[in-house]
Amino acid sequence: MNNELTFVIPDETIINKIYQLRSKRVMLDSDLSGLYDVETKRINEQVRRNLKRFPDDFMFQLTTEEWENLRPQIATSSWGGRRTLPFVFTEHGVLMLSSVLNSEKAIDVNIQIIRVFTKMRELLLTNATILSELEELKKSINDHEEQFELIYGYLQKFSQAENQPKRNTIGYIK
């Protein structure tokens, strides 16, 4: 079996189509249709025919406010275009789309999208680990702050003593 993808889209293209809404990473139906090279209405038809496969945590329709807030990010026109609010798909919803869209391109693109979601999750976990370690380091430094200040104070006194001009000594000169 050939594991190589036939259709390859740059990861950056996919990443730029992932948005954060309702504390979830999602993709718009129109963006997915562009990647799959099918009309948006065809994706939504397949979803409607298979609604049991798409619970609320897999797919949801944007509210008017969410769509108005998202529109400037994706540079869509406020007139013309869509007549309904878009659907968005979470990672699981994108995965489920592969079961209702049977074209070879849709399957290959789905695999690639899931890999991008996985990479993003790994990066977030790595960043969380780094942030945790930095927080521990910060606490450790704060615990030693008084000692640093004491050492710094002694160093300042020492450097000031060295910079003082030499005074003539009083007494017998040999």
Protein backbone atom coordinates (compact mmCIF):
# COMPACT_ATOMS: atom_id res chain seq x y z
CA MET A 1 0.00 0.00 0.00
CA ASN A 2 1.35 3.44 -0.93
CA ASN A 3 1.59 5.73 2.11
CA GLU A 4 2.75 8.76 0.12
CA LEU A 5 0.27 11.61 -0.24
CA THR A 6 -0.73 12.43 -3.80
CA PHE A 7 -1.77 16.02 -3.05
CA VAL A 8 0.60 18.05 -0.90
CA ILE A 9 -0.34 21.45 0.50
CA PRO A 10 2.23 23.48 2.46
CA ASP A 11 1.70 23.14 6.22
CA GLU A 12 1.73 26.96 6.53
CA THR A 13 -1.30 27.15 4.24
CA ILE A 14 -3.21 24.81 6.52
CA ILE A 15 -2.00 26.49 9.72
CA ASN A 16 -3.20 29.87 8.41
CA LYS A 17 -6.69 28.41 8.04
CA ILE A 18 -6.95 27.24 11.65
CA TYR A 19 -8.67 29.66 14.02
CA GLN A 20 -9.24 29.72 17.77
CA LEU A 21 -12.97 29.94 18.59
CA ARG A 22 -14.81 28.93 21.75
CA SER A 23 -11.50 27.65 23.13
CA LYS A 24 -11.18 25.23 20.22
CA ARG A 25 -9.01 25.17 17.12
CA VAL A 26 -11.34 25.06 14.13
CA MET A 27 -11.40 25.34 10.34
CA LEU A 28 -14.09 27.06 8.27
CA ASP A 29 -16.19 25.03 5.87
CA SER A 30 -15.18 27.38 3.04
CA ASP A 31 -11.47 26.94 3.79
CA LEU A 32 -11.86 23.17 3.86
CA SER A 33 -13.76 23.22 0.57
CA GLY A 34 -10.88 25.16 -0.99
CA LEU A 35 -8.37 22.62 0.26
CA TYR A 36 -10.53 19.69 -0.87
CA ASP A 37 -11.29 21.40 -4.19
CA VAL A 38 -15.06 21.00 -3.79
CA GLU A 39 -17.83 23.55 -3.34
CA THR A 40 -18.69 24.58 0.21
CA LYS A 41 -22.31 23.63 -0.34
CA ARG A 42 -21.24 20.07 -1.24
CA ILE A 43 -19.40 19.69 2.07
CA ASN A 44 -22.39 21.05 3.97
CA GLU A 45 -24.76 18.74 2.05
CA GLN A 46 -22.70 15.71 3.05
CA VAL A 47 -22.59 16.91 6.65
CA ARG A 48 -26.37 17.41 6.75
CA ARG A 49 -26.87 13.90 5.34
CA ASN A 50 -24.65 12.52 8.11
CA LEU A 51 -25.49 14.79 11.06
CA LYS A 52 -25.10 11.95 13.59
CA ARG A 53 -21.39 11.89 12.76
CA PHE A 54 -20.96 15.57 13.67
CA PRO A 55 -21.88 16.35 17.28
CA ASP A 56 -21.35 19.88 18.64
CA ASP A 57 -17.77 19.18 19.69
CA PHE A 58 -16.93 18.13 16.08
CA MET A 59 -18.75 20.91 14.23
CA PHE A 60 -20.84 23.98 14.99
CA GLN A 61 -22.27 26.97 13.19
CA LEU A 62 -20.81 30.37 13.97
CA THR A 63 -22.95 33.04 15.59
CA THR A 64 -23.34 36.38 13.81
CA GLU A 65 -20.98 38.00 16.34
CA GLU A 66 -18.32 35.30 15.89
CA TRP A 67 -18.56 35.65 12.11
CA GLU A 68 -18.27 39.46 12.31
CA ASN A 69 -15.18 39.13 14.53
CA LEU A 70 -13.60 36.51 12.28
CA ARG A 71 -14.34 38.21 8.95
CA PRO A 72 -11.50 40.79 9.14
CA GLN A 73 -8.99 37.98 9.79
CA ILE A 74 -9.94 36.17 6.60
CA ALA A 75 -10.54 39.27 4.45
CA THR A 76 -14.06 38.47 3.26
CA SER A 77 -16.44 41.03 1.91
CA SER A 78 -19.35 42.22 4.04
CA TRP A 79 -21.60 42.21 0.94
CA GLY A 80 -22.15 39.39 -1.49
CA GLY A 81 -20.73 35.94 -0.87
CA ARG A 82 -22.27 33.78 1.86
CA ARG A 83 -25.96 33.82 2.59
CA THR A 84 -25.69 31.66 5.72
CA LEU A 85 -23.37 31.62 8.69
CA PRO A 86 -20.44 29.25 8.16
CA PHE A 87 -19.90 25.95 9.85
CA VAL A 88 -16.57 25.29 11.53
CA PHE A 89 -14.97 21.92 12.16
CA THR A 90 -12.73 20.91 15.04
CA GLU A 91 -9.90 18.46 14.53
CA HIS A 92 -12.31 15.59 15.16
CA GLY A 93 -14.82 17.07 12.74
CA VAL A 94 -12.16 17.31 10.04
CA LEU A 95 -11.30 13.69 10.69
CA MET A 96 -14.97 12.74 10.41
CA LEU A 97 -15.22 14.58 7.08
CA SER A 98 -12.96 11.93 5.58
CA SER A 99 -15.73 9.40 6.16
CA VAL A 100 -18.32 11.43 4.22
CA LEU A 101 -16.09 12.82 1.45
CA ASN A 102 -14.72 10.03 -0.68
CA SER A 103 -12.50 11.76 -3.23
CA GLU A 104 -8.83 10.82 -3.20
CA LYS A 105 -7.85 14.47 -2.77
CA ALA A 106 -10.17 14.91 0.22
CA ILE A 107 -8.68 11.85 1.90
CA ASP A 108 -5.07 12.98 1.26
CA VAL A 109 -5.76 16.54 2.39
CA ASN A 110 -7.54 15.24 5.51
CA ILE A 111 -4.49 13.18 6.44
CA GLN A 112 -2.30 16.23 6.02
CA ILE A 113 -4.63 18.45 8.09
CA ILE A 114 -4.68 15.91 10.92
CA ARG A 115 -0.87 15.80 10.86
CA VAL A 116 -0.76 19.61 11.14
CA PHE A 117 -3.19 19.53 14.10
CA THR A 118 -0.96 16.90 15.73
CA LYS A 119 2.18 19.01 15.19
CA MET A 120 0.41 22.03 16.68
CA ARG A 121 -0.60 20.03 19.74
CA GLU A 122 2.98 18.79 20.19
CA LEU A 123 4.31 22.36 19.93
CA LEU A 124 1.80 23.56 22.51
CA LEU A 125 2.84 20.78 24.89
CA THR A 126 6.51 21.63 24.35
CA ASN A 127 5.81 25.32 25.00
CA ALA A 128 3.84 24.46 28.13
CA THR A 129 6.79 22.41 29.41
CA ILE A 130 9.24 25.24 28.70
CA LEU A 131 6.96 27.78 30.42
CA SER A 132 6.68 25.51 33.45
CA GLU A 133 10.47 25.15 33.67
CA LEU A 134 10.92 28.93 33.34
CA GLU A 135 8.41 29.48 36.14
CA GLU A 136 10.38 27.09 38.40
CA LEU A 137 13.60 28.91 37.52
CA LYS A 138 11.97 32.25 38.30
CA LYS A 139 10.85 30.95 41.71
CA SER A 140 14.35 29.67 42.39
CA ILE A 141 15.87 33.03 41.51
CA ASN A 142 13.34 34.83 43.71
CA ASP A 143 14.34 32.58 46.62
CA HIS A 144 17.95 33.74 46.22
CA GLU A 145 17.19 37.41 45.53
CA GLU A 146 18.27 38.60 49.01
CA GLN A 147 21.61 36.79 48.66
CA PHE A 148 22.17 38.37 45.25
CA GLU A 149 21.43 41.83 46.69
CA LEU A 150 23.86 41.28 49.58
CA ILE A 151 26.63 40.14 47.22
CA TYR A 152 25.92 43.06 44.89
CA GLY A 153 26.11 45.49 47.82
CA TYR A 154 29.52 44.13 48.89
CA LEU A 155 30.80 44.32 45.30
CA GLN A 156 29.70 47.95 45.06
CA LYS A 157 31.48 48.86 48.32
CA PHE A 158 34.60 47.02 47.17
CA SER A 159 34.66 48.78 43.78
CA GLN A 160 34.06 52.17 45.46
CA ALA A 161 36.97 51.54 47.84
CA GLU A 162 39.31 50.80 44.91
CA ASN A 163 38.27 53.97 43.09
CA GLN A 164 39.11 56.25 46.02
CA PRO A 165 42.19 58.45 45.42
CA LYS A 166 45.26 57.42 47.40
CA ARG A 167 45.84 59.64 50.40
CA ASN A 168 49.19 60.72 51.70
CA THR A 169 50.15 58.71 54.70
CA ILE A 170 50.87 60.46 57.91
CA GLY A 171 53.91 59.48 59.83
CA TYR A 172 57.52 58.52 59.16
CA ILE A 173 58.57 57.88 55.63
CA LYS A 174 61.29 55.33 55.10
